[in-house]
Amino acid sequence: MAISSAIIKFQPSEEAQVREELAALPTVSVEAQAPNGDFVVVVEEPDLDKMQSTCLAISKLPGVLSVDPSYVTMADETHDN
């Protein structure tokens, strides 16, 4: 599984619309809002290709200025006991 946190910069006048659009994406969660207004999101996808597609889709949302990943990891959920 690919997990990423990202900073979403957007036009301040579009905050409500951007929040609504992000909430509609099942693999994206808004975790915080920075003091400057940016959203801090977590994206969880099955692989890096899907992660890239999701971040690209976010960048194309009306009002979004940029998607800046701050952390990306591949979590292996299989464990040998």
PDB file of N, CA and C in Angstrom:
ATOM      1  N   MET A   1       0.842  -1.176   0.000  1.00  0.00           N
ATOM      2  CA  MET A   1       0.000   0.000   0.000  1.00  0.00           C
ATOM      3  C   MET A   1       0.889   1.242   0.000  1.00  0.00           C
ATOM      4  N   ALA A   2       0.530   2.215  -0.785  1.00  0.00           N
ATOM      5  CA  ALA A   2       1.227   3.497  -0.833  1.00  0.00           C
ATOM      6  C   ALA A   2       0.467   4.496   0.041  1.00  0.00           C
ATOM      7  N   ILE A   3       1.212   5.164   0.903  1.00  0.00           N
ATOM      8  CA  ILE A   3       0.622   6.165   1.794  1.00  0.00           C
ATOM      9  C   ILE A   3       1.410   7.451   1.635  1.00  0.00           C
ATOM     10  N   SER A   4       0.692   8.550   1.498  1.00  0.00           N
ATOM     11  CA  SER A   4       1.335   9.849   1.320  1.00  0.00           C
ATOM     12  C   SER A   4       0.605  10.907   2.118  1.00  0.00           C
ATOM     13  N   SER A   5       1.372  11.835   2.657  1.00  0.00           N
ATOM     14  CA  SER A   5       0.754  13.059   3.165  1.00  0.00           C
ATOM     15  C   SER A   5       1.141  14.165   2.183  1.00  0.00           C
ATOM     16  N   ALA A   6       0.257  15.106   2.030  1.00  0.00           N
ATOM     17  CA  ALA A   6       0.500  16.180   1.066  1.00  0.00           C
ATOM     18  C   ALA A   6      -0.120  17.480   1.573  1.00  0.00           C
ATOM     19  N   ILE A   7       0.439  18.563   1.119  1.00  0.00           N
ATOM     20  CA  ILE A   7      -0.084  19.895   1.398  1.00  0.00           C
ATOM     21  C   ILE A   7      -0.835  20.346   0.148  1.00  0.00           C
ATOM     22  N   ILE A   8      -2.090  20.738   0.340  1.00  0.00           N
ATOM     23  CA  ILE A   8      -2.918  21.210  -0.774  1.00  0.00           C
ATOM     24  C   ILE A   8      -3.075  22.721  -0.640  1.00  0.00           C
ATOM     25  N   LYS A   9      -2.522  23.437  -1.592  1.00  0.00           N
ATOM     26  CA  LYS A   9      -2.683  24.896  -1.644  1.00  0.00           C
ATOM     27  C   LYS A   9      -3.843  25.190  -2.583  1.00  0.00           C
ATOM     28  N   PHE A  10      -4.666  26.158  -2.203  1.00  0.00           N
ATOM     29  CA  PHE A  10      -5.854  26.456  -2.995  1.00  0.00           C
ATOM     30  C   PHE A  10      -6.180  27.940  -2.880  1.00  0.00           C
ATOM     31  N   GLN A  11      -7.028  28.393  -3.793  1.00  0.00           N
ATOM     32  CA  GLN A  11      -7.499  29.772  -3.735  1.00  0.00           C
ATOM     33  C   GLN A  11      -8.411  29.902  -2.510  1.00  0.00           C
ATOM     34  N   PRO A  12      -8.133  30.856  -1.628  1.00  0.00           N
ATOM     35  CA  PRO A  12      -8.928  30.979  -0.403  1.00  0.00           C
ATOM     36  C   PRO A  12     -10.437  31.064  -0.648  1.00  0.00           C
ATOM     37  N   SER A  13     -10.831  31.677  -1.722  1.00  0.00           N
ATOM     38  CA  SER A  13     -12.261  31.799  -2.019  1.00  0.00           C
ATOM     39  C   SER A  13     -12.897  30.465  -2.383  1.00  0.00           C
ATOM     40  N   GLU A  14     -12.084  29.447  -2.654  1.00  0.00           N
ATOM     41  CA  GLU A  14     -12.566  28.128  -3.063  1.00  0.00           C
ATOM     42  C   GLU A  14     -12.450  27.086  -1.942  1.00  0.00           C
ATOM     43  N   GLU A  15     -12.161  27.517  -0.720  1.00  0.00           N
ATOM     44  CA  GLU A  15     -11.908  26.580   0.376  1.00  0.00           C
ATOM     45  C   GLU A  15     -13.028  25.558   0.564  1.00  0.00           C
ATOM     46  N   ALA A  16     -14.254  26.009   0.664  1.00  0.00           N
ATOM     47  CA  ALA A  16     -15.375  25.092   0.906  1.00  0.00           C
ATOM     48  C   ALA A  16     -15.523  24.090  -0.236  1.00  0.00           C
ATOM     49  N   GLN A  17     -15.398  24.548  -1.468  1.00  0.00           N
ATOM     50  CA  GLN A  17     -15.531  23.667  -2.630  1.00  0.00           C
ATOM     51  C   GLN A  17     -14.404  22.638  -2.661  1.00  0.00           C
ATOM     52  N   VAL A  18     -13.177  23.077  -2.396  1.00  0.00           N
ATOM     53  CA  VAL A  18     -12.043  22.148  -2.408  1.00  0.00           C
ATOM     54  C   VAL A  18     -12.213  21.109  -1.300  1.00  0.00           C
ATOM     55  N   ARG A  19     -12.615  21.530  -0.116  1.00  0.00           N
ATOM     56  CA  ARG A  19     -12.828  20.589   0.992  1.00  0.00           C
ATOM     57  C   ARG A  19     -13.893  19.550   0.613  1.00  0.00           C
ATOM     58  N   GLU A  20     -14.964  20.004  -0.011  1.00  0.00           N
ATOM     59  CA  GLU A  20     -16.039  19.103  -0.434  1.00  0.00           C
ATOM     60  C   GLU A  20     -15.545  18.098  -1.484  1.00  0.00           C
ATOM     61  N   GLU A  21     -14.779  18.578  -2.448  1.00  0.00           N
ATOM     62  CA  GLU A  21     -14.249  17.695  -3.500  1.00  0.00           C
ATOM     63  C   GLU A  21     -13.281  16.671  -2.912  1.00  0.00           C
ATOM     64  N   LEU A  22     -12.440  17.090  -1.974  1.00  0.00           N
ATOM     65  CA  LEU A  22     -11.511  16.156  -1.336  1.00  0.00           C
ATOM     66  C   LEU A  22     -12.266  15.107  -0.531  1.00  0.00           C
ATOM     67  N   ALA A  23     -13.312  15.527   0.154  1.00  0.00           N
ATOM     68  CA  ALA A  23     -14.111  14.592   0.961  1.00  0.00           C
ATOM     69  C   ALA A  23     -14.789  13.537   0.095  1.00  0.00           C
ATOM     70  N   ALA A  24     -15.032  13.852  -1.159  1.00  0.00           N
ATOM     71  CA  ALA A  24     -15.687  12.907  -2.070  1.00  0.00           C
ATOM     72  C   ALA A  24     -14.732  11.832  -2.594  1.00  0.00           C
ATOM     73  N   LEU A  25     -13.442  12.019  -2.371  1.00  0.00           N
ATOM     74  CA  LEU A  25     -12.459  11.038  -2.825  1.00  0.00           C
ATOM     75  C   LEU A  25     -12.256  10.003  -1.715  1.00  0.00           C
ATOM     76  N   PRO A  26     -12.603   8.736  -1.961  1.00  0.00           N
ATOM     77  CA  PRO A  26     -12.593   7.734  -0.889  1.00  0.00           C
ATOM     78  C   PRO A  26     -11.222   7.414  -0.308  1.00  0.00           C
ATOM     79  N   THR A  27     -10.155   7.678  -1.025  1.00  0.00           N
ATOM     80  CA  THR A  27      -8.817   7.349  -0.528  1.00  0.00           C
ATOM     81  C   THR A  27      -8.073   8.565   0.022  1.00  0.00           C
ATOM     82  N   VAL A  28      -8.791   9.684   0.153  1.00  0.00           N
ATOM     83  CA  VAL A  28      -8.191  10.933   0.625  1.00  0.00           C
ATOM     84  C   VAL A  28      -8.902  11.384   1.892  1.00  0.00           C
ATOM     85  N   SER A  29      -8.112  11.804   2.879  1.00  0.00           N
ATOM     86  CA  SER A  29      -8.718  12.383   4.081  1.00  0.00           C
ATOM     87  C   SER A  29      -7.999  13.679   4.432  1.00  0.00           C
ATOM     88  N   VAL A  30      -8.778  14.703   4.748  1.00  0.00           N
ATOM     89  CA  VAL A  30      -8.220  15.972   5.216  1.00  0.00           C
ATOM     90  C   VAL A  30      -7.955  15.792   6.703  1.00  0.00           C
ATOM     91  N   GLU A  31      -6.680  15.854   7.084  1.00  0.00           N
ATOM     92  CA  GLU A  31      -6.285  15.598   8.469  1.00  0.00           C
ATOM     93  C   GLU A  31      -6.131  16.871   9.282  1.00  0.00           C
ATOM     94  N   ALA A  32      -5.800  17.971   8.631  1.00  0.00           N
ATOM     95  CA  ALA A  32      -5.575  19.229   9.354  1.00  0.00           C
ATOM     96  C   ALA A  32      -5.634  20.387   8.373  1.00  0.00           C
ATOM     97  N   GLN A  33      -5.700  21.577   8.949  1.00  0.00           N
ATOM     98  CA  GLN A  33      -5.587  22.793   8.152  1.00  0.00           C
ATOM     99  C   GLN A  33      -4.489  23.637   8.780  1.00  0.00           C
ATOM    100  N   ALA A  34      -3.495  23.952   7.982  1.00  0.00           N
ATOM    101  CA  ALA A  34      -2.353  24.727   8.457  1.00  0.00           C
ATOM    102  C   ALA A  34      -2.788  26.154   8.804  1.00  0.00           C
ATOM    103  N   PRO A  35      -2.026  26.841   9.648  1.00  0.00           N
ATOM    104  CA  PRO A  35      -2.364  28.227  10.001  1.00  0.00           C
ATOM    105  C   PRO A  35      -2.513  29.151   8.788  1.00  0.00           C
ATOM    106  N   ASN A  36      -1.791  28.848   7.699  1.00  0.00           N
ATOM    107  CA  ASN A  36      -1.907  29.684   6.499  1.00  0.00           C
ATOM    108  C   ASN A  36      -3.099  29.292   5.627  1.00  0.00           C
ATOM    109  N   GLY A  37      -3.860  28.259   6.054  1.00  0.00           N
ATOM    110  CA  GLY A  37      -5.056  27.848   5.328  1.00  0.00           C
ATOM    111  C   GLY A  37      -4.915  26.578   4.519  1.00  0.00           C
ATOM    112  N   ASP A  38      -3.690  26.169   4.195  1.00  0.00           N
ATOM    113  CA  ASP A  38      -3.492  24.962   3.386  1.00  0.00           C
ATOM    114  C   ASP A  38      -4.068  23.742   4.095  1.00  0.00           C
ATOM    115  N   PHE A  39      -4.539  22.773   3.296  1.00  0.00           N
ATOM    116  CA  PHE A  39      -4.999  21.504   3.843  1.00  0.00           C
ATOM    117  C   PHE A  39      -3.835  20.525   3.912  1.00  0.00           C
ATOM    118  N   VAL A  40      -3.805  19.752   4.967  1.00  0.00           N
ATOM    119  CA  VAL A  40      -2.881  18.636   5.090  1.00  0.00           C
ATOM    120  C   VAL A  40      -3.723  17.384   4.898  1.00  0.00           C
ATOM    121  N   VAL A  41      -3.396  16.600   3.875  1.00  0.00           N
ATOM    122  CA  VAL A  41      -4.192  15.416   3.563  1.00  0.00           C
ATOM    123  C   VAL A  41      -3.337  14.158   3.632  1.00  0.00           C
ATOM    124  N   VAL A  42      -4.017  13.031   3.807  1.00  0.00           N
ATOM    125  CA  VAL A  42      -3.394  11.717   3.693  1.00  0.00           C
ATOM    126  C   VAL A  42      -4.092  10.994   2.549  1.00  0.00           C
ATOM    127  N   VAL A  43      -3.276  10.389   1.696  1.00  0.00           N
ATOM    128  CA  VAL A  43      -3.792   9.614   0.563  1.00  0.00           C
ATOM    129  C   VAL A  43      -3.283   8.188   0.726  1.00  0.00           C
ATOM    130  N   GLU A  44      -4.187   7.222   0.657  1.00  0.00           N
ATOM    131  CA  GLU A  44      -3.816   5.811   0.741  1.00  0.00           C
ATOM    132  C   GLU A  44      -4.296   5.106  -0.526  1.00  0.00           C
ATOM    133  N   GLU A  45      -3.361   4.531  -1.255  1.00  0.00           N
ATOM    134  CA  GLU A  45      -3.667   3.835  -2.507  1.00  0.00           C
ATOM    135  C   GLU A  45      -2.934   2.499  -2.537  1.00  0.00           C
ATOM    136  N   PRO A  46      -3.386   1.569  -3.390  1.00  0.00           N
ATOM    137  CA  PRO A  46      -2.748   0.256  -3.442  1.00  0.00           C
ATOM    138  C   PRO A  46      -1.316   0.277  -3.985  1.00  0.00           C
ATOM    139  N   ASP A  47      -0.977   1.271  -4.810  1.00  0.00           N
ATOM    140  CA  ASP A  47       0.371   1.329  -5.380  1.00  0.00           C
ATOM    141  C   ASP A  47       0.720   2.766  -5.756  1.00  0.00           C
ATOM    142  N   LEU A  48       1.979   2.970  -6.122  1.00  0.00           N
ATOM    143  CA  LEU A  48       2.455   4.323  -6.430  1.00  0.00           C
ATOM    144  C   LEU A  48       1.829   4.894  -7.703  1.00  0.00           C
ATOM    145  N   ASP A  49       1.526   4.055  -8.682  1.00  0.00           N
ATOM    146  CA  ASP A  49       0.879   4.552  -9.905  1.00  0.00           C
ATOM    147  C   ASP A  49      -0.487   5.151  -9.584  1.00  0.00           C
ATOM    148  N   LYS A  50      -1.257   4.458  -8.760  1.00  0.00           N
ATOM    149  CA  LYS A  50      -2.575   4.975  -8.365  1.00  0.00           C
ATOM    150  C   LYS A  50      -2.415   6.236  -7.511  1.00  0.00           C
ATOM    151  N   MET A  51      -1.382   6.260  -6.667  1.00  0.00           N
ATOM    152  CA  MET A  51      -1.108   7.451  -5.846  1.00  0.00           C
ATOM    153  C   MET A  51      -0.855   8.657  -6.753  1.00  0.00           C
ATOM    154  N   GLN A  52      -0.044   8.441  -7.773  1.00  0.00           N
ATOM    155  CA  GLN A  52       0.251   9.521  -8.708  1.00  0.00           C
ATOM    156  C   GLN A  52      -1.021   9.989  -9.414  1.00  0.00           C
ATOM    157  N   SER A  53      -1.860   9.062  -9.818  1.00  0.00           N
ATOM    158  CA  SER A  53      -3.116   9.412 -10.492  1.00  0.00           C
ATOM    159  C   SER A  53      -4.032  10.224  -9.570  1.00  0.00           C
ATOM    160  N   THR A  54      -4.099   9.823  -8.315  1.00  0.00           N
ATOM    161  CA  THR A  54      -4.949  10.541  -7.366  1.00  0.00           C
ATOM    162  C   THR A  54      -4.426  11.957  -7.135  1.00  0.00           C
ATOM    163  N   CYS A  55      -3.123  12.096  -6.953  1.00  0.00           N
ATOM    164  CA  CYS A  55      -2.548  13.434  -6.744  1.00  0.00           C
ATOM    165  C   CYS A  55      -2.744  14.322  -7.977  1.00  0.00           C
ATOM    166  N   LEU A  56      -2.638  13.728  -9.150  1.00  0.00           N
ATOM    167  CA  LEU A  56      -2.887  14.483 -10.387  1.00  0.00           C
ATOM    168  C   LEU A  56      -4.348  14.927 -10.448  1.00  0.00           C
ATOM    169  N   ALA A  57      -5.269  14.040 -10.074  1.00  0.00           N
ATOM    170  CA  ALA A  57      -6.698  14.391 -10.065  1.00  0.00           C
ATOM    171  C   ALA A  57      -6.971  15.527  -9.077  1.00  0.00           C
ATOM    172  N   ILE A  58      -6.331  15.484  -7.918  1.00  0.00           N
ATOM    173  CA  ILE A  58      -6.499  16.562  -6.934  1.00  0.00           C
ATOM    174  C   ILE A  58      -5.991  17.874  -7.518  1.00  0.00           C
ATOM    175  N   SER A  59      -4.854  17.828  -8.193  1.00  0.00           N
ATOM    176  CA  SER A  59      -4.274  19.055  -8.749  1.00  0.00           C
ATOM    177  C   SER A  59      -5.165  19.703  -9.800  1.00  0.00           C
ATOM    178  N   LYS A  60      -6.061  18.918 -10.397  1.00  0.00           N
ATOM    179  CA  LYS A  60      -6.958  19.434 -11.429  1.00  0.00           C
ATOM    180  C   LYS A  60      -8.303  19.915 -10.880  1.00  0.00           C
ATOM    181  N   LEU A  61      -8.519  19.772  -9.566  1.00  0.00           N
ATOM    182  CA  LEU A  61      -9.775  20.244  -8.988  1.00  0.00           C
ATOM    183  C   LEU A  61      -9.858  21.759  -9.088  1.00  0.00           C
ATOM    184  N   PRO A  62     -11.037  22.308  -9.363  1.00  0.00           N
ATOM    185  CA  PRO A  62     -11.189  23.761  -9.433  1.00  0.00           C
ATOM    186  C   PRO A  62     -10.754  24.409  -8.110  1.00  0.00           C
ATOM    187  N   GLY A  63      -9.916  25.410  -8.224  1.00  0.00           N
ATOM    188  CA  GLY A  63      -9.453  26.148  -7.050  1.00  0.00           C
ATOM    189  C   GLY A  63      -8.149  25.655  -6.470  1.00  0.00           C
ATOM    190  N   VAL A  64      -7.716  24.432  -6.817  1.00  0.00           N
ATOM    191  CA  VAL A  64      -6.453  23.903  -6.294  1.00  0.00           C
ATOM    192  C   VAL A  64      -5.293  24.535  -7.066  1.00  0.00           C
ATOM    193  N   LEU A  65      -4.324  25.040  -6.310  1.00  0.00           N
ATOM    194  CA  LEU A  65      -3.145  25.659  -6.911  1.00  0.00           C
ATOM    195  C   LEU A  65      -1.976  24.687  -6.997  1.00  0.00           C
ATOM    196  N   SER A  66      -1.826  23.818  -5.971  1.00  0.00           N
ATOM    197  CA  SER A  66      -0.745  22.836  -6.001  1.00  0.00           C
ATOM    198  C   SER A  66      -1.012  21.704  -5.025  1.00  0.00           C
ATOM    199  N   VAL A  67      -0.378  20.575  -5.316  1.00  0.00           N
ATOM    200  CA  VAL A  67      -0.373  19.409  -4.442  1.00  0.00           C
ATOM    201  C   VAL A  67       1.095  19.109  -4.185  1.00  0.00           C
ATOM    202  N   ASP A  68       1.516  19.272  -2.943  1.00  0.00           N
ATOM    203  CA  ASP A  68       2.925  19.100  -2.589  1.00  0.00           C
ATOM    204  C   ASP A  68       3.086  17.938  -1.626  1.00  0.00           C
ATOM    205  N   PRO A  69       3.466  16.752  -2.136  1.00  0.00           N
ATOM    206  CA  PRO A  69       3.680  15.623  -1.228  1.00  0.00           C
ATOM    207  C   PRO A  69       4.790  15.948  -0.234  1.00  0.00           C
ATOM    208  N   SER A  70       4.560  15.605   1.018  1.00  0.00           N
ATOM    209  CA  SER A  70       5.586  15.842   2.027  1.00  0.00           C
ATOM    210  C   SER A  70       6.159  14.537   2.556  1.00  0.00           C
ATOM    211  N   TYR A  71       5.458  13.438   2.314  1.00  0.00           N
ATOM    212  CA  TYR A  71       5.904  12.132   2.790  1.00  0.00           C
ATOM    213  C   TYR A  71       5.235  11.060   1.940  1.00  0.00           C
ATOM    214  N   VAL A  72       6.017  10.096   1.490  1.00  0.00           N
ATOM    215  CA  VAL A  72       5.474   8.967   0.726  1.00  0.00           C
ATOM    216  C   VAL A  72       6.166   7.704   1.216  1.00  0.00           C
ATOM    217  N   THR A  73       5.380   6.667   1.461  1.00  0.00           N
ATOM    218  CA  THR A  73       5.953   5.383   1.863  1.00  0.00           C
ATOM    219  C   THR A  73       5.146   4.249   1.261  1.00  0.00           C
ATOM    220  N   MET A  74       5.787   3.125   1.160  1.00  0.00           N
ATOM    221  CA  MET A  74       5.118   1.891   0.746  1.00  0.00           C
ATOM    222  C   MET A  74       5.048   1.019   1.986  1.00  0.00           C
ATOM    223  N   ALA A  75       3.849   0.754   2.459  1.00  0.00           N
ATOM    224  CA  ALA A  75       3.671  -0.069   3.652  1.00  0.00           C
ATOM    225  C   ALA A  75       3.336  -1.487   3.222  1.00  0.00           C
ATOM    226  N   ASP A  76       4.114  -2.437   3.697  1.00  0.00           N
ATOM    227  CA  ASP A  76       3.857  -3.845   3.409  1.00  0.00           C
ATOM    228  C   ASP A  76       2.972  -4.388   4.510  1.00  0.00           C
ATOM    229  N   GLU A  77       1.762  -4.761   4.147  1.00  0.00           N
ATOM    230  CA  GLU A  77       0.804  -5.205   5.141  1.00  0.00           C
ATOM    231  C   GLU A  77       0.865  -6.707   5.377  1.00  0.00           C
ATOM    232  N   THR A  78       1.763  -7.414   4.715  1.00  0.00           N
ATOM    233  CA  THR A  78       1.869  -8.845   4.962  1.00  0.00           C
ATOM    234  C   THR A  78       2.897  -9.067   6.063  1.00  0.00           C
ATOM    235  N   HIS A  79       2.548  -9.871   7.031  1.00  0.00           N
ATOM    236  CA  HIS A  79       3.432 -10.156   8.153  1.00  0.00           C
ATOM    237  C   HIS A  79       3.559 -11.663   8.312  1.00  0.00           C
ATOM    238  N   ASP A  80       4.765 -12.115   8.492  1.00  0.00           N
ATOM    239  CA  ASP A  80       5.003 -13.534   8.771  1.00  0.00           C
ATOM    240  C   ASP A  80       4.995 -13.724  10.268  1.00  0.00           C
ATOM    241  N   ASN A  81       4.185 -14.638  10.747  1.00  0.00           N
ATOM    242  CA  ASN A  81       4.143 -14.911  12.188  1.00  0.00           C
ATOM    243  C   ASN A  81       4.885 -16.189  12.493  1.00  0.00           C
TER     244      ASN A  81
END
